[in-house]
Amino acid sequence: MLKHADSVNLIERQAVGHLRELLDEVLAIVIENIEVEIAGPGGVVDAVAHLDTGDRKHILVCKVKAVGQPRHVRMAVLQLKEYVAQFVRRGEANATPVFIAPYLSPEARALCKEYGVGYLDFEGNCRLVFEGVFIERSVPSKPKAEQRDLKSLFKPKAARVLRKMLRDPDRAWRVAELAEAAGVSLGHVSNVRKGLLDKEWAADAEEGTFLKDPEALLDSWREQYEPPAGKRTGFYTTLHGSALEEAMREALAHTNEKGAAMLASFSAAKWLAPYARTGSAYLYVDEDSVAALEDSLKLAPASKGENVFITRLKDPGLFDDRSEPVPGIFCTCPVQTYLDLSAAGERGREAAEHLRRELLSWHK
């Protein structure tokens, strides 16, 4: 039975409004009526649109959710397929399943398409295919809440968790075990775990949580990446070639006895996956290491012509994941190096993709 509009929740009202606007754009479609929260043959259906396409009648069987993360979409589309099958068995042969949410990511939309389910979100993304009607639209905008959720997943403390998991994506982690390894709270790990599961980048097994799609996770991280916070200073040194390399090795060994320092960006990539040559050196350090590096590398302040760039990091967590590709050479881990290179212009992006092929290539 038709339910009064004022008793329907806000999301469903908005969903019906967006669906009506979309269908009104197609001259060949006449909307006879849209029912909400009706008792269908397979259970309560959020909305059913009854349409006249000229030659025949058609219905859209709609599932409305406040959250459109891939995990929620997968459950909903399976339910929708069952709803439609029930309608068909009842005699409603011309029925199309449609999933509606405030926002659907590209992954969520691909999932709907894979299952043959139409979709619509409040941002304007949509795909409806039935009775000779084909509507498909993608928009670049994301709601602020979605952007905040993504950014929070890659904040410094959350990033500690992600770097640990990306070292061995197939490894299953218990929450307490991962919290201890990453040096963050149980609550932080739980929040990261939920975000990964919602986006279907991770999955649960009996032994714990593992990364199901590390490639997609790294892609999204690259798009959202912000370089680590810290004070960056440029210096000049007369050292170069083998003399600079030897001085760098001695400097890193000395500073890491009392503080922390490691090569970053192009300088780290030189040791992890050589590709692009650069005449500059890049380092991440803590405050206690700056003076020792200035002395060992014969650094002089420079307003221009700098060839050594030192960033004093605010987040010490990056040092916990450093790599030592050869004895005495400490670098950012492959994931951090990849992210830094990706943000370093065209040459950096080329070097980043080379490093990813060499060290961060996983089978989906």
Foldseek 3Di string as FASTA:
>chain_A
DADDPVPQDPQLNLQVVQVVVVQVVDPQKDWPDKGAQDQAQLGTFGIKTWIDRPVDIAIEGEDEDQDQFQVVLVVVLVSQVVRQVRVVVVPRVRYAYEYEYQDHDPLSCVSCVVSRHWYAHVVGATFDDGDNDTDGDDDPDDDPVVLVLLLLCCPPLNVLLVLVQLVPQPDFDDLVRSCVLSVHDSVSSVSNQVSCVSNVQWDADPRHIGGPNVPVVLVSCLVNDDPFDFDKAFWAFPDDDPRQVVLLLVLQVVCVVPWHKAWAAQQQLCLQPDDDDDQATEMETAPSSPVSSCVSRVIDHDPDPGRYMYTHGPDPSQRSQWDPSDPSHIHGHLSRNLSNLSPVPDVSPVSSVRSCVVPVDDDD
